[in-house]
């Protein structure tokens, strides 16, 4: 993972996770493509990344 945001993510999550996000461009520069799945917010799959964002801030 890249940039300052990505550096804050613990290594175990960087290497072993799949991230469901909305189609926000900023995620594309931080989350590797093979671990990034774009999901509609109504699917409920973005809740975890939204909570994670708040925690990291």
PDB file of N, CA and C in Angstrom:
ATOM      1  N   UNK A   1       0.843  -1.174   0.000  1.00  0.00           N
ATOM      2  CA  UNK A   1       0.000   0.000   0.000  1.00  0.00           C
ATOM      3  C   UNK A   1       0.887   1.236   0.000  1.00  0.00           C
ATOM      4  N   UNK A   2       0.356   2.300  -0.532  1.00  0.00           N
ATOM      5  CA  UNK A   2       1.142   3.492  -0.742  1.00  0.00           C
ATOM      6  C   UNK A   2       0.653   4.659   0.095  1.00  0.00           C
ATOM      7  N   UNK A   3       1.425   5.703   0.069  1.00  0.00           N
ATOM      8  CA  UNK A   3       1.089   6.993   0.654  1.00  0.00           C
ATOM      9  C   UNK A   3       0.900   6.903   2.169  1.00  0.00           C
ATOM     10  N   UNK A   4       0.693   8.022   2.807  1.00  0.00           N
ATOM     11  CA  UNK A   4       0.631   8.058   4.265  1.00  0.00           C
ATOM     12  C   UNK A   4      -0.554   7.270   4.814  1.00  0.00           C
ATOM     13  N   UNK A   5      -1.681   7.316   4.154  1.00  0.00           N
ATOM     14  CA  UNK A   5      -2.851   6.562   4.627  1.00  0.00           C
ATOM     15  C   UNK A   5      -2.549   5.067   4.620  1.00  0.00           C
ATOM     16  N   UNK A   6      -2.004   4.594   3.531  1.00  0.00           N
ATOM     17  CA  UNK A   6      -1.675   3.178   3.416  1.00  0.00           C
ATOM     18  C   UNK A   6      -0.651   2.723   4.430  1.00  0.00           C
ATOM     19  N   UNK A   7       0.268   3.592   4.788  1.00  0.00           N
ATOM     20  CA  UNK A   7       1.299   3.245   5.766  1.00  0.00           C
ATOM     21  C   UNK A   7       0.707   3.045   7.157  1.00  0.00           C
ATOM     22  N   UNK A   8      -0.442   3.641   7.429  1.00  0.00           N
ATOM     23  CA  UNK A   8      -1.092   3.495   8.728  1.00  0.00           C
ATOM     24  C   UNK A   8      -1.796   2.148   8.875  1.00  0.00           C
ATOM     25  N   UNK A   9      -2.066   1.486   7.773  1.00  0.00           N
ATOM     26  CA  UNK A   9      -2.775   0.213   7.814  1.00  0.00           C
ATOM     27  C   UNK A   9      -1.796  -0.874   8.248  1.00  0.00           C
ATOM     28  N   UNK A  10      -2.129  -1.611   9.312  1.00  0.00           N
ATOM     29  CA  UNK A  10      -1.230  -2.664   9.788  1.00  0.00           C
ATOM     30  C   UNK A  10      -0.869  -3.649   8.675  1.00  0.00           C
ATOM     31  N   UNK A  11       0.367  -4.120   8.696  1.00  0.00           N
ATOM     32  CA  UNK A  11       0.887  -4.988   7.637  1.00  0.00           C
ATOM     33  C   UNK A  11       0.029  -6.239   7.434  1.00  0.00           C
ATOM     34  N   UNK A  12      -0.504  -6.810   8.509  1.00  0.00           N
ATOM     35  CA  UNK A  12      -1.317  -8.026   8.362  1.00  0.00           C
ATOM     36  C   UNK A  12      -2.562  -7.766   7.524  1.00  0.00           C
ATOM     37  N   UNK A  13      -3.083  -6.525   7.573  1.00  0.00           N
ATOM     38  CA  UNK A  13      -4.238  -6.173   6.744  1.00  0.00           C
ATOM     39  C   UNK A  13      -3.803  -5.835   5.321  1.00  0.00           C
ATOM     40  N   UNK A  14      -2.646  -5.232   5.199  1.00  0.00           N
ATOM     41  CA  UNK A  14      -2.148  -4.890   3.864  1.00  0.00           C
ATOM     42  C   UNK A  14      -1.963  -6.140   3.015  1.00  0.00           C
ATOM     43  N   UNK A  15      -1.509  -7.213   3.628  1.00  0.00           N
ATOM     44  CA  UNK A  15      -1.144  -8.414   2.876  1.00  0.00           C
ATOM     45  C   UNK A  15      -2.248  -9.453   2.758  1.00  0.00           C
ATOM     46  N   UNK A  16      -3.187  -9.492   3.688  1.00  0.00           N
ATOM     47  CA  UNK A  16      -4.128 -10.611   3.757  1.00  0.00           C
ATOM     48  C   UNK A  16      -5.594 -10.210   3.702  1.00  0.00           C
ATOM     49  N   UNK A  17      -5.908  -9.080   3.156  1.00  0.00           N
ATOM     50  CA  UNK A  17      -7.290  -8.611   3.184  1.00  0.00           C
ATOM     51  C   UNK A  17      -7.818  -8.268   1.803  1.00  0.00           C
ATOM     52  N   UNK A  18      -9.121  -8.291   1.709  1.00  0.00           N
ATOM     53  CA  UNK A  18      -9.834  -7.783   0.545  1.00  0.00           C
ATOM     54  C   UNK A  18     -10.651  -6.607   1.054  1.00  0.00           C
ATOM     55  N   UNK A  19     -10.613  -5.499   0.333  1.00  0.00           N
ATOM     56  CA  UNK A  19     -11.308  -4.290   0.746  1.00  0.00           C
ATOM     57  C   UNK A  19     -12.466  -4.000  -0.195  1.00  0.00           C
ATOM     58  N   UNK A  20     -13.667  -3.928   0.351  1.00  0.00           N
ATOM     59  CA  UNK A  20     -14.849  -3.528  -0.405  1.00  0.00           C
ATOM     60  C   UNK A  20     -15.039  -2.038  -0.179  1.00  0.00           C
ATOM     61  N   UNK A  21     -15.019  -1.254  -1.247  1.00  0.00           N
ATOM     62  CA  UNK A  21     -15.195   0.195  -1.122  1.00  0.00           C
ATOM     63  C   UNK A  21     -16.172   0.684  -2.176  1.00  0.00           C
ATOM     64  N   UNK A  22     -16.561   1.952  -2.016  1.00  0.00           N
ATOM     65  CA  UNK A  22     -17.320   2.572  -3.095  1.00  0.00           C
ATOM     66  C   UNK A  22     -16.312   2.926  -4.192  1.00  0.00           C
ATOM     67  N   UNK A  23     -16.719   3.628  -5.190  1.00  0.00           N
ATOM     68  CA  UNK A  23     -15.851   3.889  -6.348  1.00  0.00           C
ATOM     69  C   UNK A  23     -15.061   5.188  -6.201  1.00  0.00           C
ATOM     70  N   UNK A  24     -14.687   5.538  -4.991  1.00  0.00           N
ATOM     71  CA  UNK A  24     -13.942   6.765  -4.731  1.00  0.00           C
ATOM     72  C   UNK A  24     -12.513   6.594  -5.238  1.00  0.00           C
ATOM     73  N   UNK A  25     -12.050   7.506  -6.064  1.00  0.00           N
ATOM     74  CA  UNK A  25     -10.735   7.406  -6.707  1.00  0.00           C
ATOM     75  C   UNK A  25      -9.575   7.293  -5.716  1.00  0.00           C
ATOM     76  N   UNK A  26      -9.691   7.911  -4.560  1.00  0.00           N
ATOM     77  CA  UNK A  26      -8.591   7.887  -3.591  1.00  0.00           C
ATOM     78  C   UNK A  26      -8.229   6.465  -3.168  1.00  0.00           C
ATOM     79  N   UNK A  27      -9.191   5.573  -3.103  1.00  0.00           N
ATOM     80  CA  UNK A  27      -8.901   4.188  -2.717  1.00  0.00           C
ATOM     81  C   UNK A  27      -8.001   3.506  -3.735  1.00  0.00           C
ATOM     82  N   UNK A  28      -8.150   3.862  -4.985  1.00  0.00           N
ATOM     83  CA  UNK A  28      -7.384   3.223  -6.052  1.00  0.00           C
ATOM     84  C   UNK A  28      -5.889   3.493  -5.928  1.00  0.00           C
ATOM     85  N   UNK A  29      -5.509   4.594  -5.292  1.00  0.00           N
ATOM     86  CA  UNK A  29      -4.102   4.909  -5.102  1.00  0.00           C
ATOM     87  C   UNK A  29      -3.507   4.306  -3.849  1.00  0.00           C
ATOM     88  N   UNK A  30      -4.351   3.690  -3.021  1.00  0.00           N
ATOM     89  CA  UNK A  30      -3.899   3.152  -1.743  1.00  0.00           C
ATOM     90  C   UNK A  30      -4.047   1.633  -1.668  1.00  0.00           C
ATOM     91  N   UNK A  31      -5.156   1.119  -2.159  1.00  0.00           N
ATOM     92  CA  UNK A  31      -5.445  -0.313  -2.063  1.00  0.00           C
ATOM     93  C   UNK A  31      -5.021  -1.001  -3.361  1.00  0.00           C
ATOM     94  N   UNK A  32      -4.188  -2.028  -3.274  1.00  0.00           N
ATOM     95  CA  UNK A  32      -3.779  -2.742  -4.484  1.00  0.00           C
ATOM     96  C   UNK A  32      -4.994  -3.303  -5.232  1.00  0.00           C
ATOM     97  N   UNK A  33      -4.937  -3.262  -6.539  1.00  0.00           N
ATOM     98  CA  UNK A  33      -6.069  -3.675  -7.375  1.00  0.00           C
ATOM     99  C   UNK A  33      -6.545  -5.093  -7.056  1.00  0.00           C
ATOM    100  N   UNK A  34      -5.631  -6.006  -6.798  1.00  0.00           N
ATOM    101  CA  UNK A  34      -6.027  -7.396  -6.533  1.00  0.00           C
ATOM    102  C   UNK A  34      -6.765  -7.561  -5.204  1.00  0.00           C
ATOM    103  N   UNK A  35      -6.676  -6.563  -4.321  1.00  0.00           N
ATOM    104  CA  UNK A  35      -7.359  -6.613  -3.032  1.00  0.00           C
ATOM    105  C   UNK A  35      -8.559  -5.672  -2.975  1.00  0.00           C
ATOM    106  N   UNK A  36      -8.860  -4.993  -4.047  1.00  0.00           N
ATOM    107  CA  UNK A  36      -9.879  -3.948  -4.051  1.00  0.00           C
ATOM    108  C   UNK A  36     -11.098  -4.380  -4.853  1.00  0.00           C
ATOM    109  N   UNK A  37     -12.246  -4.422  -4.199  1.00  0.00           N
ATOM    110  CA  UNK A  37     -13.502  -4.734  -4.867  1.00  0.00           C
ATOM    111  C   UNK A  37     -14.435  -3.544  -4.684  1.00  0.00           C
ATOM    112  N   UNK A  38     -14.864  -2.967  -5.801  1.00  0.00           N
ATOM    113  CA  UNK A  38     -15.791  -1.836  -5.752  1.00  0.00           C
ATOM    114  C   UNK A  38     -17.194  -2.394  -5.548  1.00  0.00           C
ATOM    115  N   UNK A  39     -17.886  -1.888  -4.531  1.00  0.00           N
ATOM    116  CA  UNK A  39     -19.234  -2.352  -4.206  1.00  0.00           C
ATOM    117  C   UNK A  39     -20.158  -1.156  -4.040  1.00  0.00           C
ATOM    118  N   UNK A  40     -21.400  -1.339  -4.382  1.00  0.00           N
ATOM    119  CA  UNK A  40     -22.416  -0.307  -4.186  1.00  0.00           C
ATOM    120  C   UNK A  40     -22.629  -0.105  -2.690  1.00  0.00           C
ATOM    121  N   UNK A  41     -22.768   1.139  -2.254  1.00  0.00           N
ATOM    122  CA  UNK A  41     -22.963   1.411  -0.825  1.00  0.00           C
ATOM    123  C   UNK A  41     -24.187   0.693  -0.269  1.00  0.00           C
ATOM    124  N   UNK A  42     -25.189   0.506  -1.081  1.00  0.00           N
ATOM    125  CA  UNK A  42     -26.413  -0.156  -0.626  1.00  0.00           C
ATOM    126  C   UNK A  42     -26.204  -1.646  -0.370  1.00  0.00           C
ATOM    127  N   UNK A  43     -25.083  -2.190  -0.819  1.00  0.00           N
ATOM    128  CA  UNK A  43     -24.802  -3.618  -0.617  1.00  0.00           C
ATOM    129  C   UNK A  43     -24.461  -3.928   0.841  1.00  0.00           C
ATOM    130  N   UNK A  44     -24.036  -2.902   1.592  1.00  0.00           N
ATOM    131  CA  UNK A  44     -23.626  -3.106   2.976  1.00  0.00           C
ATOM    132  C   UNK A  44     -22.168  -3.511   3.112  1.00  0.00           C
ATOM    133  N   UNK A  45     -21.512  -3.808   2.012  1.00  0.00           N
ATOM    134  CA  UNK A  45     -20.127  -4.274   2.064  1.00  0.00           C
ATOM    135  C   UNK A  45     -19.129  -3.148   2.302  1.00  0.00           C
ATOM    136  N   UNK A  46     -19.551  -1.900   2.159  1.00  0.00           N
ATOM    137  CA  UNK A  46     -18.632  -0.781   2.392  1.00  0.00           C
ATOM    138  C   UNK A  46     -18.627  -0.332   3.853  1.00  0.00           C
ATOM    139  N   UNK A  47     -19.510  -0.864   4.679  1.00  0.00           N
ATOM    140  CA  UNK A  47     -19.592  -0.436   6.076  1.00  0.00           C
ATOM    141  C   UNK A  47     -18.273  -0.607   6.813  1.00  0.00           C
ATOM    142  N   UNK A  48     -17.590  -1.706   6.576  1.00  0.00           N
ATOM    143  CA  UNK A  48     -16.339  -1.982   7.289  1.00  0.00           C
ATOM    144  C   UNK A  48     -15.265  -0.966   6.913  1.00  0.00           C
ATOM    145  N   UNK A  49     -15.110  -0.676   5.629  1.00  0.00           N
ATOM    146  CA  UNK A  49     -14.080   0.289   5.218  1.00  0.00           C
ATOM    147  C   UNK A  49     -14.422   1.695   5.706  1.00  0.00           C
ATOM    148  N   UNK A  50     -15.712   2.033   5.736  1.00  0.00           N
ATOM    149  CA  UNK A  50     -16.108   3.349   6.245  1.00  0.00           C
ATOM    150  C   UNK A  50     -15.742   3.463   7.724  1.00  0.00           C
ATOM    151  N   UNK A  51     -15.976   2.424   8.505  1.00  0.00           N
ATOM    152  CA  UNK A  51     -15.629   2.418   9.927  1.00  0.00           C
ATOM    153  C   UNK A  51     -14.110   2.467  10.091  1.00  0.00           C
ATOM    154  N   UNK A  52     -13.401   1.716   9.266  1.00  0.00           N
ATOM    155  CA  UNK A  52     -11.939   1.688   9.308  1.00  0.00           C
ATOM    156  C   UNK A  52     -11.374   3.075   9.024  1.00  0.00           C
ATOM    157  N   UNK A  53     -11.955   3.773   8.040  1.00  0.00           N
ATOM    158  CA  UNK A  53     -11.517   5.141   7.724  1.00  0.00           C
ATOM    159  C   UNK A  53     -11.639   6.042   8.941  1.00  0.00           C
ATOM    160  N   UNK A  54     -12.764   5.947   9.626  1.00  0.00           N
ATOM    161  CA  UNK A  54     -12.972   6.787  10.812  1.00  0.00           C
ATOM    162  C   UNK A  54     -11.962   6.448  11.904  1.00  0.00           C
ATOM    163  N   UNK A  55     -11.670   5.179  12.074  1.00  0.00           N
ATOM    164  CA  UNK A  55     -10.689   4.749  13.074  1.00  0.00           C
ATOM    165  C   UNK A  55      -9.298   5.279  12.745  1.00  0.00           C
ATOM    166  N   UNK A  56      -8.920   5.215  11.476  1.00  0.00           N
ATOM    167  CA  UNK A  56      -7.587   5.649  11.063  1.00  0.00           C
ATOM    168  C   UNK A  56      -7.405   7.159  11.182  1.00  0.00           C
ATOM    169  N   UNK A  57      -8.461   7.900  11.078  1.00  0.00           N
ATOM    170  CA  UNK A  57      -8.355   9.360  11.200  1.00  0.00           C
ATOM    171  C   UNK A  57      -8.084   9.718  12.631  1.00  0.00           C
TER     172      UNK A  57
END
